[in-house]
Amino acid sequence: MKQLIMAASLAMIAAGAAQAGPPPPGAQGIEDKTYQWNAETGEKAEALQLKGDKKRGAEGYELCGACHLPSGAGRPDGTFPQLAGQHATVLIKQMADIRAGVRDNPAMYPFAATLTDPQELADVASHIESLCIPVDHGRYEGPDAAVQLATGKALYEKECQDCHGPNGQGVKEKFYPVIAGQHYKYLLRQMTEIRDGRRRNANPDMVRIIKKYDDKQLVAISAYQSSLVMPGNMCTPKGESGPRKFGPSDK
């Protein structure tokens, strides 16, 4: 019964938000010189100053879990990204950008639009950040996986590692996302969209670096990135004992 109610609620929310539609491109100055990649304004700036409540955030995340799963694992095919363990700063920025029409994401917009205020943004982000990162996720599985990983490792260590870290841990204070445990196909899609100018809210430094890579190089980089593991932040694999299990961490 609970699943039926949830499904009906999701359908009603999506239908209602679809009628209203997300703000049009350029609503926040994205297409002119007034737009800044990470301007300290609006509900994003307010949410970043608030202390998130993980318990309240878990309640607010229930709708999100329908696509991203209660564990925050997302989908191995990359349709929905892994969110668990992501920096709260990154989550707040991306949710605020989607709500403001700065990041184009029609599938996500109806659900991001249900968050009521900056405090709820902070709460949901705090809950997601506290989840351990699942160890089972979509990886590159081609017959040339070893070659792709080696090529991707060399490319990653050359330019990507400075921002995203040797273990894919990112930098919370600089809004550099965690990529450890992320699905290969999601990583490849996002990097391709950033390179091709379709991810309008991308960090300009990322755009500058990635625009020179061709499709084959992006495949290799994504393959390597999806193999990264953050020590101490990953969920305990099934069948093993240890302090890290499914659910909120003690961060």
C-alpha atoms as a PDB file:
ATOM      1  CA  MET A   1       0.000   0.000   0.000  1.00  0.00           C
ATOM      2  CA  LYS A   2       2.793   2.414   0.926  1.00  0.00           C
ATOM      3  CA  GLN A   3       4.450   1.811  -2.457  1.00  0.00           C
ATOM      4  CA  LEU A   4       1.173   2.515  -4.256  1.00  0.00           C
ATOM      5  CA  ILE A   5       0.721   5.764  -2.353  1.00  0.00           C
ATOM      6  CA  MET A   6       4.306   6.756  -3.125  1.00  0.00           C
ATOM      7  CA  ALA A   7       3.856   5.971  -6.823  1.00  0.00           C
ATOM      8  CA  ALA A   8       0.649   7.995  -6.963  1.00  0.00           C
ATOM      9  CA  SER A   9       2.311  10.897  -5.183  1.00  0.00           C
ATOM     10  CA  LEU A  10       5.237  10.838  -7.586  1.00  0.00           C
ATOM     11  CA  ALA A  11       2.895  10.879 -10.565  1.00  0.00           C
ATOM     12  CA  MET A  12       0.891  13.808  -9.179  1.00  0.00           C
ATOM     13  CA  ILE A  13       4.014  15.793  -8.334  1.00  0.00           C
ATOM     14  CA  ALA A  14       5.550  15.184 -11.741  1.00  0.00           C
ATOM     15  CA  ALA A  15       2.347  16.113 -13.548  1.00  0.00           C
ATOM     16  CA  GLY A  16       1.842  19.294 -11.553  1.00  0.00           C
ATOM     17  CA  ALA A  17       5.422  20.457 -11.897  1.00  0.00           C
ATOM     18  CA  ALA A  18       5.465  19.579 -15.583  1.00  0.00           C
ATOM     19  CA  GLN A  19       2.533  21.931 -16.171  1.00  0.00           C
ATOM     20  CA  ALA A  20       4.384  24.753 -14.474  1.00  0.00           C
ATOM     21  CA  GLY A  21       7.664  23.749 -16.054  1.00  0.00           C
ATOM     22  CA  PRO A  22      11.158  24.690 -14.926  1.00  0.00           C
ATOM     23  CA  PRO A  23      12.306  28.288 -15.232  1.00  0.00           C
ATOM     24  CA  PRO A  24      13.336  29.039 -18.804  1.00  0.00           C
ATOM     25  CA  PRO A  25      17.028  28.979 -19.805  1.00  0.00           C
ATOM     26  CA  GLY A  26      18.581  32.277 -18.880  1.00  0.00           C
ATOM     27  CA  ALA A  27      16.274  32.810 -15.899  1.00  0.00           C
ATOM     28  CA  GLN A  28      19.306  33.345 -13.673  1.00  0.00           C
ATOM     29  CA  GLY A  29      21.467  35.086 -16.246  1.00  0.00           C
ATOM     30  CA  ILE A  30      23.037  31.833 -17.444  1.00  0.00           C
ATOM     31  CA  GLU A  31      23.139  33.045 -21.039  1.00  0.00           C
ATOM     32  CA  ASP A  32      24.624  36.434 -20.377  1.00  0.00           C
ATOM     33  CA  LYS A  33      27.573  37.941 -18.552  1.00  0.00           C
ATOM     34  CA  THR A  34      25.624  38.379 -15.314  1.00  0.00           C
ATOM     35  CA  TYR A  35      25.787  34.649 -14.584  1.00  0.00           C
ATOM     36  CA  GLN A  36      28.544  33.443 -12.291  1.00  0.00           C
ATOM     37  CA  TRP A  37      29.262  29.741 -11.873  1.00  0.00           C
ATOM     38  CA  ASN A  38      28.990  29.780  -8.092  1.00  0.00           C
ATOM     39  CA  ALA A  39      27.691  33.187  -7.092  1.00  0.00           C
ATOM     40  CA  GLU A  40      26.943  33.489  -3.372  1.00  0.00           C
ATOM     41  CA  THR A  41      23.323  34.544  -3.811  1.00  0.00           C
ATOM     42  CA  GLY A  42      19.797  33.193  -3.444  1.00  0.00           C
ATOM     43  CA  GLU A  43      18.572  30.114  -1.621  1.00  0.00           C
ATOM     44  CA  LYS A  44      21.802  28.229  -2.370  1.00  0.00           C
ATOM     45  CA  ALA A  45      23.867  30.742  -0.401  1.00  0.00           C
ATOM     46  CA  GLU A  46      21.349  30.664   2.453  1.00  0.00           C
ATOM     47  CA  ALA A  47      21.221  26.855   2.541  1.00  0.00           C
ATOM     48  CA  LEU A  48      25.011  26.652   2.678  1.00  0.00           C
ATOM     49  CA  GLN A  49      24.974  28.711   5.880  1.00  0.00           C
ATOM     50  CA  LEU A  50      22.451  26.445   7.602  1.00  0.00           C
ATOM     51  CA  LYS A  51      23.125  23.312   9.634  1.00  0.00           C
ATOM     52  CA  GLY A  52      21.337  20.403   8.038  1.00  0.00           C
ATOM     53  CA  ASP A  53      19.300  17.989  10.138  1.00  0.00           C
ATOM     54  CA  LYS A  54      19.886  14.409   8.939  1.00  0.00           C
ATOM     55  CA  LYS A  55      16.687  13.062  10.515  1.00  0.00           C
ATOM     56  CA  ARG A  56      14.482  15.644   8.836  1.00  0.00           C
ATOM     57  CA  GLY A  57      16.531  15.186   5.683  1.00  0.00           C
ATOM     58  CA  ALA A  58      15.763  11.460   5.630  1.00  0.00           C
ATOM     59  CA  GLU A  59      12.058  12.313   5.502  1.00  0.00           C
ATOM     60  CA  GLY A  60      12.585  14.841   2.726  1.00  0.00           C
ATOM     61  CA  TYR A  61      14.663  12.314   0.789  1.00  0.00           C
ATOM     62  CA  GLU A  62      11.855   9.739   0.575  1.00  0.00           C
ATOM     63  CA  LEU A  63      10.639  11.029  -2.794  1.00  0.00           C
ATOM     64  CA  CYS A  64      14.218  11.173  -4.077  1.00  0.00           C
ATOM     65  CA  GLY A  65      14.693   7.533  -3.102  1.00  0.00           C
ATOM     66  CA  ALA A  66      12.152   6.427  -5.681  1.00  0.00           C
ATOM     67  CA  CYS A  67      14.753   7.104  -8.392  1.00  0.00           C
ATOM     68  CA  HIS A  68      18.060   7.277  -6.520  1.00  0.00           C
ATOM     69  CA  LEU A  69      17.077   4.398  -4.164  1.00  0.00           C
ATOM     70  CA  PRO A  70      16.851   4.666  -0.363  1.00  0.00           C
ATOM     71  CA  SER A  71      20.567   3.841  -0.152  1.00  0.00           C
ATOM     72  CA  GLY A  72      21.451   6.696  -2.506  1.00  0.00           C
ATOM     73  CA  ALA A  73      23.044   4.163  -4.854  1.00  0.00           C
ATOM     74  CA  GLY A  74      21.305   5.366  -8.011  1.00  0.00           C
ATOM     75  CA  ARG A  75      21.146   3.008 -11.001  1.00  0.00           C
ATOM     76  CA  PRO A  76      24.101   1.070 -12.449  1.00  0.00           C
ATOM     77  CA  ASP A  77      22.997   1.972 -15.983  1.00  0.00           C
ATOM     78  CA  GLY A  78      23.686   5.628 -15.145  1.00  0.00           C
ATOM     79  CA  THR A  79      20.136   6.892 -15.610  1.00  0.00           C
ATOM     80  CA  PHE A  80      20.196   8.124 -12.014  1.00  0.00           C
ATOM     81  CA  PRO A  81      23.520   8.947 -10.332  1.00  0.00           C
ATOM     82  CA  GLN A  82      24.887   7.627  -7.087  1.00  0.00           C
ATOM     83  CA  LEU A  83      24.294  10.348  -4.483  1.00  0.00           C
ATOM     84  CA  ALA A  84      25.362   8.633  -1.255  1.00  0.00           C
ATOM     85  CA  GLY A  85      28.343  10.277   0.395  1.00  0.00           C
ATOM     86  CA  GLN A  86      28.309  13.274  -1.901  1.00  0.00           C
ATOM     87  CA  HIS A  87      29.428  16.552  -0.330  1.00  0.00           C
ATOM     88  CA  ALA A  88      26.501  18.551   1.031  1.00  0.00           C
ATOM     89  CA  THR A  89      27.877  21.668  -0.670  1.00  0.00           C
ATOM     90  CA  VAL A  90      27.756  19.973  -4.072  1.00  0.00           C
ATOM     91  CA  LEU A  91      24.251  18.615  -3.463  1.00  0.00           C
ATOM     92  CA  ILE A  92      22.921  22.004  -2.371  1.00  0.00           C
ATOM     93  CA  LYS A  93      24.429  23.755  -5.377  1.00  0.00           C
ATOM     94  CA  GLN A  94      23.081  21.234  -7.877  1.00  0.00           C
ATOM     95  CA  MET A  95      19.587  21.126  -6.368  1.00  0.00           C
ATOM     96  CA  ALA A  96      19.445  24.922  -6.202  1.00  0.00           C
ATOM     97  CA  ASP A  97      20.692  25.226  -9.790  1.00  0.00           C
ATOM     98  CA  ILE A  98      18.039  22.790 -11.023  1.00  0.00           C
ATOM     99  CA  ARG A  99      15.315  24.624  -9.094  1.00  0.00           C
ATOM    100  CA  ALA A 100      16.478  27.943 -10.544  1.00  0.00           C
ATOM    101  CA  GLY A 101      16.682  26.663 -14.118  1.00  0.00           C
ATOM    102  CA  VAL A 102      20.448  27.096 -14.205  1.00  0.00           C
ATOM    103  CA  ARG A 103      21.034  23.375 -14.730  1.00  0.00           C
ATOM    104  CA  ASP A 104      18.788  21.690 -17.292  1.00  0.00           C
ATOM    105  CA  ASN A 105      17.347  18.498 -15.818  1.00  0.00           C
ATOM    106  CA  PRO A 106      13.667  18.039 -16.747  1.00  0.00           C
ATOM    107  CA  ALA A 107      13.472  14.637 -15.024  1.00  0.00           C
ATOM    108  CA  MET A 108      14.811  15.976 -11.737  1.00  0.00           C
ATOM    109  CA  TYR A 109      13.106  19.363 -11.729  1.00  0.00           C
ATOM    110  CA  PRO A 110       9.596  18.224 -10.612  1.00  0.00           C
ATOM    111  CA  PHE A 111      11.072  16.606  -7.517  1.00  0.00           C
ATOM    112  CA  ALA A 112      13.630  19.288  -6.684  1.00  0.00           C
ATOM    113  CA  ALA A 113      10.767  21.754  -6.920  1.00  0.00           C
ATOM    114  CA  THR A 114       8.972  20.039  -4.006  1.00  0.00           C
ATOM    115  CA  LEU A 115      11.643  21.135  -1.521  1.00  0.00           C
ATOM    116  CA  THR A 116      10.150  24.031   0.352  1.00  0.00           C
ATOM    117  CA  ASP A 117      13.007  26.277   1.475  1.00  0.00           C
ATOM    118  CA  PRO A 118      16.785  26.559   2.041  1.00  0.00           C
ATOM    119  CA  GLN A 119      16.516  24.654   5.332  1.00  0.00           C
ATOM    120  CA  GLU A 120      15.022  21.642   3.581  1.00  0.00           C
ATOM    121  CA  LEU A 121      17.778  21.797   0.967  1.00  0.00           C
ATOM    122  CA  ALA A 122      20.332  21.704   3.778  1.00  0.00           C
ATOM    123  CA  ASP A 123      18.514  18.875   5.575  1.00  0.00           C
ATOM    124  CA  VAL A 124      18.236  16.603   2.536  1.00  0.00           C
ATOM    125  CA  ALA A 125      21.857  17.287   1.575  1.00  0.00           C
ATOM    126  CA  SER A 126      22.995  16.441   5.113  1.00  0.00           C
ATOM    127  CA  HIS A 127      21.171  13.099   5.011  1.00  0.00           C
ATOM    128  CA  ILE A 128      22.572  12.133   1.615  1.00  0.00           C
ATOM    129  CA  GLU A 129      26.103  13.116   2.618  1.00  0.00           C
ATOM    130  CA  SER A 130      25.846  10.837   5.674  1.00  0.00           C
ATOM    131  CA  LEU A 131      25.124   7.701   3.627  1.00  0.00           C
ATOM    132  CA  CYS A 132      27.956   5.270   3.012  1.00  0.00           C
ATOM    133  CA  ILE A 133      28.992   4.945  -0.637  1.00  0.00           C
ATOM    134  CA  PRO A 134      27.820   1.636  -2.170  1.00  0.00           C
ATOM    135  CA  VAL A 135      30.600  -0.608  -3.429  1.00  0.00           C
ATOM    136  CA  ASP A 136      28.431  -2.205  -6.116  1.00  0.00           C
ATOM    137  CA  HIS A 137      27.975   0.220  -8.980  1.00  0.00           C
ATOM    138  CA  GLY A 138      28.148   0.445 -12.753  1.00  0.00           C
ATOM    139  CA  ARG A 139      31.694   0.022 -14.076  1.00  0.00           C
ATOM    140  CA  TYR A 140      33.251  -0.209 -17.510  1.00  0.00           C
ATOM    141  CA  GLU A 141      32.877  -3.838 -18.606  1.00  0.00           C
ATOM    142  CA  GLY A 142      34.334  -3.927 -22.123  1.00  0.00           C
ATOM    143  CA  PRO A 143      36.817  -6.654 -23.154  1.00  0.00           C
ATOM    144  CA  ASP A 144      39.534  -3.993 -23.178  1.00  0.00           C
ATOM    145  CA  ALA A 145      38.851  -2.925 -19.580  1.00  0.00           C
ATOM    146  CA  ALA A 146      42.466  -3.280 -18.471  1.00  0.00           C
ATOM    147  CA  VAL A 147      43.672  -1.037 -21.297  1.00  0.00           C
ATOM    148  CA  GLN A 148      40.954   1.540 -20.667  1.00  0.00           C
ATOM    149  CA  LEU A 149      41.728   1.658 -16.951  1.00  0.00           C
ATOM    150  CA  ALA A 150      45.442   2.127 -17.574  1.00  0.00           C
ATOM    151  CA  THR A 151      44.829   4.872 -20.139  1.00  0.00           C
ATOM    152  CA  GLY A 152      42.240   6.532 -17.940  1.00  0.00           C
ATOM    153  CA  LYS A 153      44.520   6.419 -14.912  1.00  0.00           C
ATOM    154  CA  ALA A 154      47.270   8.271 -16.773  1.00  0.00           C
ATOM    155  CA  LEU A 155      44.849  10.940 -18.002  1.00  0.00           C
ATOM    156  CA  TYR A 156      43.166  11.271 -14.613  1.00  0.00           C
ATOM    157  CA  GLU A 157      46.416  11.686 -12.722  1.00  0.00           C
ATOM    158  CA  LYS A 158      47.587  14.291 -15.230  1.00  0.00           C
ATOM    159  CA  GLU A 159      44.740  16.796 -14.805  1.00  0.00           C
ATOM    160  CA  CYS A 160      41.701  15.439 -12.921  1.00  0.00           C
ATOM    161  CA  GLN A 161      43.387  14.363  -9.695  1.00  0.00           C
ATOM    162  CA  ASP A 162      44.272  17.884  -8.571  1.00  0.00           C
ATOM    163  CA  CYS A 163      40.591  18.695  -8.057  1.00  0.00           C
ATOM    164  CA  HIS A 164      38.902  15.326  -7.502  1.00  0.00           C
ATOM    165  CA  GLY A 165      41.706  13.752  -5.468  1.00  0.00           C
ATOM    166  CA  PRO A 166      43.586  10.459  -5.821  1.00  0.00           C
ATOM    167  CA  ASN A 167      40.634   8.489  -4.453  1.00  0.00           C
ATOM    168  CA  GLY A 168      37.858  10.496  -6.083  1.00  0.00           C
ATOM    169  CA  GLN A 169      37.055  12.279  -2.826  1.00  0.00           C
ATOM    170  CA  GLY A 170      36.620  15.775  -4.282  1.00  0.00           C
ATOM    171  CA  VAL A 171      36.857  18.902  -2.130  1.00  0.00           C
ATOM    172  CA  LYS A 172      33.808  19.932  -0.129  1.00  0.00           C
ATOM    173  CA  GLU A 173      34.848  23.568   0.339  1.00  0.00           C
ATOM    174  CA  LYS A 174      35.472  24.077  -3.379  1.00  0.00           C
ATOM    175  CA  PHE A 175      32.336  22.235  -4.586  1.00  0.00           C
ATOM    176  CA  TYR A 176      34.420  19.560  -6.317  1.00  0.00           C
ATOM    177  CA  PRO A 177      32.215  16.456  -6.240  1.00  0.00           C
ATOM    178  CA  VAL A 178      32.920  12.997  -4.933  1.00  0.00           C
ATOM    179  CA  ILE A 179      33.249  10.668  -7.927  1.00  0.00           C
ATOM    180  CA  ALA A 180      34.269   7.476  -6.095  1.00  0.00           C
ATOM    181  CA  GLY A 181      31.520   4.893  -6.469  1.00  0.00           C
ATOM    182  CA  GLN A 182      29.867   6.792  -9.306  1.00  0.00           C
ATOM    183  CA  HIS A 183      28.457   4.854 -12.252  1.00  0.00           C
ATOM    184  CA  TYR A 184      30.608   4.702 -15.374  1.00  0.00           C
ATOM    185  CA  LYS A 185      27.795   5.570 -17.774  1.00  0.00           C
ATOM    186  CA  TYR A 186      26.722   8.557 -15.687  1.00  0.00           C
ATOM    187  CA  LEU A 187      30.281   9.874 -15.519  1.00  0.00           C
ATOM    188  CA  LEU A 188      30.704   9.489 -19.268  1.00  0.00           C
ATOM    189  CA  ARG A 189      27.417  11.249 -20.011  1.00  0.00           C
ATOM    190  CA  GLN A 190      28.168  14.188 -17.732  1.00  0.00           C
ATOM    191  CA  MET A 191      31.694  14.700 -19.014  1.00  0.00           C
ATOM    192  CA  THR A 192      30.479  14.543 -22.601  1.00  0.00           C
ATOM    193  CA  GLU A 193      27.761  17.098 -21.874  1.00  0.00           C
ATOM    194  CA  ILE A 194      30.217  19.399 -20.114  1.00  0.00           C
ATOM    195  CA  ARG A 195      32.693  19.165 -22.985  1.00  0.00           C
ATOM    196  CA  ASP A 196      29.972  19.797 -25.575  1.00  0.00           C
ATOM    197  CA  GLY A 197      28.449  22.760 -23.730  1.00  0.00           C
ATOM    198  CA  ARG A 198      25.205  21.041 -22.723  1.00  0.00           C
ATOM    199  CA  ARG A 199      25.851  21.171 -18.960  1.00  0.00           C
ATOM    200  CA  ARG A 200      25.333  24.889 -18.524  1.00  0.00           C
ATOM    201  CA  ASN A 201      26.205  25.135 -14.829  1.00  0.00           C
ATOM    202  CA  ALA A 202      29.589  23.395 -15.109  1.00  0.00           C
ATOM    203  CA  ASN A 203      32.649  24.803 -13.401  1.00  0.00           C
ATOM    204  CA  PRO A 204      34.525  26.896 -16.023  1.00  0.00           C
ATOM    205  CA  ASP A 205      37.810  25.290 -14.950  1.00  0.00           C
ATOM    206  CA  MET A 206      36.324  21.875 -15.693  1.00  0.00           C
ATOM    207  CA  VAL A 207      35.094  23.052 -19.079  1.00  0.00           C
ATOM    208  CA  ARG A 208      38.527  24.413 -19.948  1.00  0.00           C
ATOM    209  CA  ILE A 209      40.256  21.158 -19.069  1.00  0.00           C
ATOM    210  CA  ILE A 210      37.804  18.722 -20.568  1.00  0.00           C
ATOM    211  CA  LYS A 211      37.089  20.398 -23.896  1.00  0.00           C
ATOM    212  CA  LYS A 212      40.272  19.028 -25.463  1.00  0.00           C
ATOM    213  CA  TYR A 213      39.449  15.356 -24.825  1.00  0.00           C
ATOM    214  CA  ASP A 214      37.924  13.209 -27.569  1.00  0.00           C
ATOM    215  CA  ASP A 215      35.294  10.501 -27.060  1.00  0.00           C
ATOM    216  CA  LYS A 216      37.817   7.688 -26.645  1.00  0.00           C
ATOM    217  CA  GLN A 217      39.683   9.587 -23.969  1.00  0.00           C
ATOM    218  CA  LEU A 218      36.479  10.355 -22.090  1.00  0.00           C
ATOM    219  CA  VAL A 219      35.599   6.648 -22.122  1.00  0.00           C
ATOM    220  CA  ALA A 220      38.976   5.819 -20.597  1.00  0.00           C
ATOM    221  CA  ILE A 221      38.766   8.558 -17.959  1.00  0.00           C
ATOM    222  CA  SER A 222      35.233   7.526 -17.001  1.00  0.00           C
ATOM    223  CA  ALA A 223      36.276   3.878 -16.795  1.00  0.00           C
ATOM    224  CA  TYR A 224      39.064   4.737 -14.387  1.00  0.00           C
ATOM    225  CA  GLN A 225      36.999   7.176 -12.332  1.00  0.00           C
ATOM    226  CA  SER A 226      34.304   4.540 -11.801  1.00  0.00           C
ATOM    227  CA  SER A 227      36.942   2.221 -10.311  1.00  0.00           C
ATOM    228  CA  LEU A 228      37.928   4.653  -7.537  1.00  0.00           C
ATOM    229  CA  VAL A 229      37.298   3.838  -3.883  1.00  0.00           C
ATOM    230  CA  MET A 230      37.270   6.206  -0.891  1.00  0.00           C
ATOM    231  CA  PRO A 231      38.770   4.415   2.140  1.00  0.00           C
ATOM    232  CA  GLY A 232      36.516   4.723   5.180  1.00  0.00           C
ATOM    233  CA  ASN A 233      33.563   6.076   3.203  1.00  0.00           C
ATOM    234  CA  MET A 234      32.435   2.990   1.312  1.00  0.00           C
ATOM    235  CA  CYS A 235      29.726   0.632   2.563  1.00  0.00           C
ATOM    236  CA  THR A 236      30.844  -2.681   3.968  1.00  0.00           C
ATOM    237  CA  PRO A 237      30.610  -5.322   1.217  1.00  0.00           C
ATOM    238  CA  LYS A 238      27.960  -7.975   1.798  1.00  0.00           C
ATOM    239  CA  GLY A 239      29.270 -10.920   3.768  1.00  0.00           C
ATOM    240  CA  GLU A 240      32.016  -8.918   5.471  1.00  0.00           C
ATOM    241  CA  SER A 241      32.047  -7.521   8.977  1.00  0.00           C
ATOM    242  CA  GLY A 242      33.074  -3.999   9.792  1.00  0.00           C
ATOM    243  CA  PRO A 243      31.885  -0.663  11.102  1.00  0.00           C
ATOM    244  CA  ARG A 244      30.617   0.564   7.725  1.00  0.00           C
ATOM    245  CA  LYS A 245      27.192  -0.782   6.849  1.00  0.00           C
ATOM    246  CA  PHE A 246      24.214   0.406   4.847  1.00  0.00           C
ATOM    247  CA  GLY A 247      22.696   3.555   6.223  1.00  0.00           C
ATOM    248  CA  PRO A 248      23.818   6.916   7.591  1.00  0.00           C
ATOM    249  CA  SER A 249      27.436   7.151   8.609  1.00  0.00           C
ATOM    250  CA  ASP A 250      28.713   8.898  11.707  1.00  0.00           C
ATOM    251  CA  LYS A 251      30.277  11.766   9.743  1.00  0.00           C
END
